[in-house]
Amino acid sequence: MLSEEEKQELKEMAASSTLREEFRTLRFNSRDMESRVSVDQLVQWLTAVSRICPDPVQPRPFVRYVNVKI
């Protein structure tokens, strides 16, 4: 269950027009991703991402979850 503080935070987020617009943009852009992507578009995207994050990814240890409840 959510605490009263968490409920209040969700209500404030729902009232934010900026946040709603950002989620609307994300939803619209995700529809574009359902379409086919050409190799050229993929290479352009990978090039842009590599410029933003030039450092190699640091390896992380595997976390074994013994007791997972959904």
PDB file of N, CA and C in Angstrom:
ATOM      1  N   MET A   1       0.830  -1.180   0.000  1.00  0.00           N
ATOM      2  CA  MET A   1       0.000   0.000   0.000  1.00  0.00           C
ATOM      3  C   MET A   1       0.880   1.251   0.000  1.00  0.00           C
ATOM      4  N   LEU A   2       0.324   2.305  -0.487  1.00  0.00           N
ATOM      5  CA  LEU A   2       1.041   3.575  -0.530  1.00  0.00           C
ATOM      6  C   LEU A   2       0.811   4.355   0.757  1.00  0.00           C
ATOM      7  N   SER A   3       1.862   5.025   1.195  1.00  0.00           N
ATOM      8  CA  SER A   3       1.718   5.885   2.367  1.00  0.00           C
ATOM      9  C   SER A   3       0.985   7.161   1.944  1.00  0.00           C
ATOM     10  N   GLU A   4       0.547   7.918   2.924  1.00  0.00           N
ATOM     11  CA  GLU A   4      -0.147   9.174   2.624  1.00  0.00           C
ATOM     12  C   GLU A   4       0.776  10.139   1.886  1.00  0.00           C
ATOM     13  N   GLU A   5       2.054  10.127   2.248  1.00  0.00           N
ATOM     14  CA  GLU A   5       3.026  10.998   1.586  1.00  0.00           C
ATOM     15  C   GLU A   5       3.175  10.617   0.109  1.00  0.00           C
ATOM     16  N   GLU A   6       3.222   9.313  -0.173  1.00  0.00           N
ATOM     17  CA  GLU A   6       3.344   8.852  -1.557  1.00  0.00           C
ATOM     18  C   GLU A   6       2.091   9.188  -2.359  1.00  0.00           C
ATOM     19  N   LYS A   7       0.933   9.032  -1.731  1.00  0.00           N
ATOM     20  CA  LYS A   7      -0.320   9.383  -2.408  1.00  0.00           C
ATOM     21  C   LYS A   7      -0.353  10.870  -2.758  1.00  0.00           C
ATOM     22  N   GLN A   8       0.081  11.698  -1.818  1.00  0.00           N
ATOM     23  CA  GLN A   8       0.097  13.141  -2.058  1.00  0.00           C
ATOM     24  C   GLN A   8       1.057  13.487  -3.189  1.00  0.00           C
ATOM     25  N   GLU A   9       2.215  12.813  -3.213  1.00  0.00           N
ATOM     26  CA  GLU A   9       3.194  13.056  -4.272  1.00  0.00           C
ATOM     27  C   GLU A   9       2.619  12.685  -5.639  1.00  0.00           C
ATOM     28  N   LEU A  10       1.916  11.561  -5.717  1.00  0.00           N
ATOM     29  CA  LEU A  10       1.298  11.153  -6.982  1.00  0.00           C
ATOM     30  C   LEU A  10       0.234  12.152  -7.428  1.00  0.00           C
ATOM     31  N   LYS A  11      -0.538  12.670  -6.484  1.00  0.00           N
ATOM     32  CA  LYS A  11      -1.558  13.666  -6.825  1.00  0.00           C
ATOM     33  C   LYS A  11      -0.917  14.938  -7.375  1.00  0.00           C
ATOM     34  N   GLU A  12       0.188  15.356  -6.752  1.00  0.00           N
ATOM     35  CA  GLU A  12       0.886  16.552  -7.228  1.00  0.00           C
ATOM     36  C   GLU A  12       1.467  16.330  -8.620  1.00  0.00           C
ATOM     37  N   MET A  13       2.002  15.135  -8.852  1.00  0.00           N
ATOM     38  CA  MET A  13       2.552  14.824 -10.170  1.00  0.00           C
ATOM     39  C   MET A  13       1.446  14.812 -11.219  1.00  0.00           C
ATOM     40  N   ALA A  14       0.280  14.279 -10.863  1.00  0.00           N
ATOM     41  CA  ALA A  14      -0.833  14.225 -11.807  1.00  0.00           C
ATOM     42  C   ALA A  14      -1.337  15.621 -12.148  1.00  0.00           C
ATOM     43  N   ALA A  15      -1.179  16.562 -11.229  1.00  0.00           N
ATOM     44  CA  ALA A  15      -1.643  17.930 -11.469  1.00  0.00           C
ATOM     45  C   ALA A  15      -0.657  18.737 -12.309  1.00  0.00           C
ATOM     46  N   SER A  16       0.547  18.222 -12.507  1.00  0.00           N
ATOM     47  CA  SER A  16       1.578  18.956 -13.238  1.00  0.00           C
ATOM     48  C   SER A  16       1.339  18.859 -14.744  1.00  0.00           C
ATOM     49  N   SER A  17       1.074  19.988 -15.374  1.00  0.00           N
ATOM     50  CA  SER A  17       0.848  19.984 -16.822  1.00  0.00           C
ATOM     51  C   SER A  17       2.144  19.667 -17.569  1.00  0.00           C
ATOM     52  N   THR A  18       3.281  20.084 -17.026  1.00  0.00           N
ATOM     53  CA  THR A  18       4.575  19.801 -17.657  1.00  0.00           C
ATOM     54  C   THR A  18       4.841  18.305 -17.680  1.00  0.00           C
ATOM     55  N   LEU A  19       4.597  17.659 -16.561  1.00  0.00           N
ATOM     56  CA  LEU A  19       4.826  16.219 -16.481  1.00  0.00           C
ATOM     57  C   LEU A  19       3.884  15.461 -17.418  1.00  0.00           C
ATOM     58  N   ARG A  20       2.631  15.898 -17.480  1.00  0.00           N
ATOM     59  CA  ARG A  20       1.685  15.246 -18.394  1.00  0.00           C
ATOM     60  C   ARG A  20       2.140  15.398 -19.836  1.00  0.00           C
ATOM     61  N   GLU A  21       2.634  16.583 -20.192  1.00  0.00           N
ATOM     62  CA  GLU A  21       3.120  16.818 -21.556  1.00  0.00           C
ATOM     63  C   GLU A  21       4.338  15.944 -21.857  1.00  0.00           C
ATOM     64  N   GLU A  22       5.230  15.783 -20.878  1.00  0.00           N
ATOM     65  CA  GLU A  22       6.403  14.933 -21.084  1.00  0.00           C
ATOM     66  C   GLU A  22       5.994  13.479 -21.317  1.00  0.00           C
ATOM     67  N   PHE A  23       5.040  12.984 -20.539  1.00  0.00           N
ATOM     68  CA  PHE A  23       4.570  11.617 -20.740  1.00  0.00           C
ATOM     69  C   PHE A  23       3.848  11.474 -22.077  1.00  0.00           C
ATOM     70  N   ARG A  24       3.126  12.510 -22.485  1.00  0.00           N
ATOM     71  CA  ARG A  24       2.460  12.487 -23.789  1.00  0.00           C
ATOM     72  C   ARG A  24       3.503  12.377 -24.902  1.00  0.00           C
ATOM     73  N   THR A  25       4.599  13.123 -24.767  1.00  0.00           N
ATOM     74  CA  THR A  25       5.690  13.066 -25.746  1.00  0.00           C
ATOM     75  C   THR A  25       6.328  11.686 -25.766  1.00  0.00           C
ATOM     76  N   LEU A  26       6.578  11.125 -24.590  1.00  0.00           N
ATOM     77  CA  LEU A  26       7.154   9.780 -24.520  1.00  0.00           C
ATOM     78  C   LEU A  26       6.248   8.751 -25.189  1.00  0.00           C
ATOM     79  N   ARG A  27       4.946   8.850 -24.927  1.00  0.00           N
ATOM     80  CA  ARG A  27       4.001   7.903 -25.520  1.00  0.00           C
ATOM     81  C   ARG A  27       3.979   8.051 -27.044  1.00  0.00           C
ATOM     82  N   PHE A  28       3.994   9.292 -27.534  1.00  0.00           N
ATOM     83  CA  PHE A  28       3.993   9.532 -28.973  1.00  0.00           C
ATOM     84  C   PHE A  28       5.266   8.983 -29.605  1.00  0.00           C
ATOM     85  N   ASN A  29       6.418   9.238 -28.961  1.00  0.00           N
ATOM     86  CA  ASN A  29       7.690   8.762 -29.501  1.00  0.00           C
ATOM     87  C   ASN A  29       7.793   7.247 -29.463  1.00  0.00           C
ATOM     88  N   SER A  30       7.178   6.615 -28.476  1.00  0.00           N
ATOM     89  CA  SER A  30       7.246   5.158 -28.416  1.00  0.00           C
ATOM     90  C   SER A  30       6.459   4.534 -29.570  1.00  0.00           C
ATOM     91  N   ARG A  31       5.436   5.221 -30.054  1.00  0.00           N
ATOM     92  CA  ARG A  31       4.709   4.715 -31.226  1.00  0.00           C
ATOM     93  C   ARG A  31       5.606   4.726 -32.454  1.00  0.00           C
ATOM     94  N   ASP A  32       6.473   5.741 -32.545  1.00  0.00           N
ATOM     95  CA  ASP A  32       7.413   5.798 -33.664  1.00  0.00           C
ATOM     96  C   ASP A  32       8.373   4.621 -33.626  1.00  0.00           C
ATOM     97  N   MET A  33       8.709   4.159 -32.449  1.00  0.00           N
ATOM     98  CA  MET A  33       9.655   3.053 -32.323  1.00  0.00           C
ATOM     99  C   MET A  33       9.045   1.726 -32.778  1.00  0.00           C
ATOM    100  N   GLU A  34       7.719   1.647 -32.841  1.00  0.00           N
ATOM    101  CA  GLU A  34       7.076   0.426 -33.315  1.00  0.00           C
ATOM    102  C   GLU A  34       7.253   0.256 -34.820  1.00  0.00           C
ATOM    103  N   SER A  35       7.589   1.338 -35.504  1.00  0.00           N
ATOM    104  CA  SER A  35       7.800   1.246 -36.944  1.00  0.00           C
ATOM    105  C   SER A  35       9.194   0.698 -37.225  1.00  0.00           C
ATOM    106  N   ARG A  36       9.426   0.323 -38.458  1.00  0.00           N
ATOM    107  CA  ARG A  36      10.729  -0.228 -38.839  1.00  0.00           C
ATOM    108  C   ARG A  36      11.779   0.876 -38.847  1.00  0.00           C
ATOM    109  N   VAL A  37      12.984   0.511 -38.433  1.00  0.00           N
ATOM    110  CA  VAL A  37      14.100   1.447 -38.383  1.00  0.00           C
ATOM    111  C   VAL A  37      15.129   0.989 -39.397  1.00  0.00           C
ATOM    112  N   SER A  38      15.574   1.916 -40.226  1.00  0.00           N
ATOM    113  CA  SER A  38      16.583   1.559 -41.226  1.00  0.00           C
ATOM    114  C   SER A  38      17.951   1.446 -40.554  1.00  0.00           C
ATOM    115  N   VAL A  39      18.871   0.806 -41.243  1.00  0.00           N
ATOM    116  CA  VAL A  39      20.228   0.652 -40.720  1.00  0.00           C
ATOM    117  C   VAL A  39      20.880   2.020 -40.555  1.00  0.00           C
ATOM    118  N   ASP A  40      20.640   2.924 -41.495  1.00  0.00           N
ATOM    119  CA  ASP A  40      21.212   4.270 -41.402  1.00  0.00           C
ATOM    120  C   ASP A  40      20.712   5.003 -40.155  1.00  0.00           C
ATOM    121  N   GLN A  41      19.415   4.882 -39.867  1.00  0.00           N
ATOM    122  CA  GLN A  41      18.865   5.522 -38.673  1.00  0.00           C
ATOM    123  C   GLN A  41      19.473   4.919 -37.408  1.00  0.00           C
ATOM    124  N   LEU A  42      19.645   3.607 -37.400  1.00  0.00           N
ATOM    125  CA  LEU A  42      20.236   2.938 -36.247  1.00  0.00           C
ATOM    126  C   LEU A  42      21.675   3.403 -36.030  1.00  0.00           C
ATOM    127  N   VAL A  43      22.446   3.494 -37.106  1.00  0.00           N
ATOM    128  CA  VAL A  43      23.836   3.942 -36.996  1.00  0.00           C
ATOM    129  C   VAL A  43      23.892   5.386 -36.506  1.00  0.00           C
ATOM    130  N   GLN A  44      23.007   6.236 -36.997  1.00  0.00           N
ATOM    131  CA  GLN A  44      22.973   7.628 -36.531  1.00  0.00           C
ATOM    132  C   GLN A  44      22.664   7.689 -35.040  1.00  0.00           C
ATOM    133  N   TRP A  45      21.707   6.883 -34.599  1.00  0.00           N
ATOM    134  CA  TRP A  45      21.330   6.872 -33.184  1.00  0.00           C
ATOM    135  C   TRP A  45      22.484   6.354 -32.325  1.00  0.00           C
ATOM    136  N   LEU A  46      23.113   5.262 -32.744  1.00  0.00           N
ATOM    137  CA  LEU A  46      24.234   4.711 -31.983  1.00  0.00           C
ATOM    138  C   LEU A  46      25.400   5.696 -31.916  1.00  0.00           C
ATOM    139  N   THR A  47      25.645   6.410 -33.005  1.00  0.00           N
ATOM    140  CA  THR A  47      26.706   7.418 -33.019  1.00  0.00           C
ATOM    141  C   THR A  47      26.394   8.538 -32.036  1.00  0.00           C
ATOM    142  N   ALA A  48      25.155   9.006 -32.031  1.00  0.00           N
ATOM    143  CA  ALA A  48      24.763  10.071 -31.104  1.00  0.00           C
ATOM    144  C   ALA A  48      24.893   9.610 -29.655  1.00  0.00           C
ATOM    145  N   VAL A  49      24.459   8.398 -29.366  1.00  0.00           N
ATOM    146  CA  VAL A  49      24.541   7.885 -27.999  1.00  0.00           C
ATOM    147  C   VAL A  49      25.993   7.715 -27.575  1.00  0.00           C
ATOM    148  N   SER A  50      26.846   7.253 -28.487  1.00  0.00           N
ATOM    149  CA  SER A  50      28.255   7.066 -28.129  1.00  0.00           C
ATOM    150  C   SER A  50      28.942   8.400 -27.854  1.00  0.00           C
ATOM    151  N   ARG A  51      28.462   9.465 -28.468  1.00  0.00           N
ATOM    152  CA  ARG A  51      29.026  10.793 -28.187  1.00  0.00           C
ATOM    153  C   ARG A  51      28.554  11.311 -26.834  1.00  0.00           C
ATOM    154  N   ILE A  52      27.326  10.967 -26.475  1.00  0.00           N
ATOM    155  CA  ILE A  52      26.790  11.397 -25.184  1.00  0.00           C
ATOM    156  C   ILE A  52      27.458  10.626 -24.047  1.00  0.00           C
ATOM    157  N   CYS A  53      27.634   9.323 -24.234  1.00  0.00           N
ATOM    158  CA  CYS A  53      28.206   8.446 -23.202  1.00  0.00           C
ATOM    159  C   CYS A  53      29.457   7.773 -23.755  1.00  0.00           C
ATOM    160  N   PRO A  54      30.585   8.486 -23.831  1.00  0.00           N
ATOM    161  CA  PRO A  54      31.769   7.904 -24.467  1.00  0.00           C
ATOM    162  C   PRO A  54      32.480   6.847 -23.625  1.00  0.00           C
ATOM    163  N   ASP A  55      32.290   6.861 -22.305  1.00  0.00           N
ATOM    164  CA  ASP A  55      32.983   5.908 -21.446  1.00  0.00           C
ATOM    165  C   ASP A  55      32.358   4.521 -21.565  1.00  0.00           C
ATOM    166  N   PRO A  56      33.190   3.475 -21.525  1.00  0.00           N
ATOM    167  CA  PRO A  56      32.625   2.124 -21.578  1.00  0.00           C
ATOM    168  C   PRO A  56      31.814   1.827 -20.309  1.00  0.00           C
ATOM    169  N   VAL A  57      30.871   0.954 -20.457  1.00  0.00           N
ATOM    170  CA  VAL A  57      30.014   0.582 -19.334  1.00  0.00           C
ATOM    171  C   VAL A  57      30.835  -0.209 -18.325  1.00  0.00           C
ATOM    172  N   GLN A  58      30.676   0.142 -17.055  1.00  0.00           N
ATOM    173  CA  GLN A  58      31.384  -0.574 -15.999  1.00  0.00           C
ATOM    174  C   GLN A  58      30.657  -1.882 -15.705  1.00  0.00           C
ATOM    175  N   PRO A  59      31.392  -2.985 -15.622  1.00  0.00           N
ATOM    176  CA  PRO A  59      30.725  -4.253 -15.317  1.00  0.00           C
ATOM    177  C   PRO A  59      30.155  -4.236 -13.903  1.00  0.00           C
ATOM    178  N   ARG A  60      29.011  -4.840 -13.765  1.00  0.00           N
ATOM    179  CA  ARG A  60      28.359  -4.916 -12.457  1.00  0.00           C
ATOM    180  C   ARG A  60      28.214  -6.374 -12.067  1.00  0.00           C
ATOM    181  N   PRO A  61      28.348  -6.662 -10.797  1.00  0.00           N
ATOM    182  CA  PRO A  61      28.183  -8.056 -10.376  1.00  0.00           C
ATOM    183  C   PRO A  61      26.724  -8.485 -10.509  1.00  0.00           C
ATOM    184  N   PHE A  62      26.542  -9.753 -10.807  1.00  0.00           N
ATOM    185  CA  PHE A  62      25.198 -10.300 -10.926  1.00  0.00           C
ATOM    186  C   PHE A  62      24.580 -10.397  -9.540  1.00  0.00           C
ATOM    187  N   VAL A  63      23.346  -9.947  -9.407  1.00  0.00           N
ATOM    188  CA  VAL A  63      22.651 -10.020  -8.126  1.00  0.00           C
ATOM    189  C   VAL A  63      21.702 -11.203  -8.186  1.00  0.00           C
ATOM    190  N   ARG A  64      21.932 -12.156  -7.320  1.00  0.00           N
ATOM    191  CA  ARG A  64      21.072 -13.343  -7.285  1.00  0.00           C
ATOM    192  C   ARG A  64      19.952 -13.087  -6.279  1.00  0.00           C
ATOM    193  N   TYR A  65      18.732 -13.127  -6.766  1.00  0.00           N
ATOM    194  CA  TYR A  65      17.569 -12.951  -5.912  1.00  0.00           C
ATOM    195  C   TYR A  65      17.064 -14.324  -5.507  1.00  0.00           C
ATOM    196  N   VAL A  66      17.074 -14.583  -4.221  1.00  0.00           N
ATOM    197  CA  VAL A  66      16.680 -15.898  -3.724  1.00  0.00           C
ATOM    198  C   VAL A  66      15.172 -15.975  -3.536  1.00  0.00           C
ATOM    199  N   ASN A  67      14.584 -14.897  -3.034  1.00  0.00           N
ATOM    200  CA  ASN A  67      13.165 -14.918  -2.712  1.00  0.00           C
ATOM    201  C   ASN A  67      12.487 -13.739  -3.406  1.00  0.00           C
ATOM    202  N   VAL A  68      11.883 -13.988  -4.563  1.00  0.00           N
ATOM    203  CA  VAL A  68      11.241 -12.933  -5.339  1.00  0.00           C
ATOM    204  C   VAL A  68       9.733 -13.117  -5.264  1.00  0.00           C
ATOM    205  N   LYS A  69       9.046 -12.064  -4.872  1.00  0.00           N
ATOM    206  CA  LYS A  69       7.582 -12.115  -4.792  1.00  0.00           C
ATOM    207  C   LYS A  69       7.015 -11.046  -5.708  1.00  0.00           C
ATOM    208  N   ILE A  70       6.092 -11.426  -6.535  1.00  0.00           N
ATOM    209  CA  ILE A  70       5.473 -10.483  -7.459  1.00  0.00           C
ATOM    210  C   ILE A  70       4.032 -10.281  -7.068  1.00  0.00           C
TER     211      ILE A  70
END
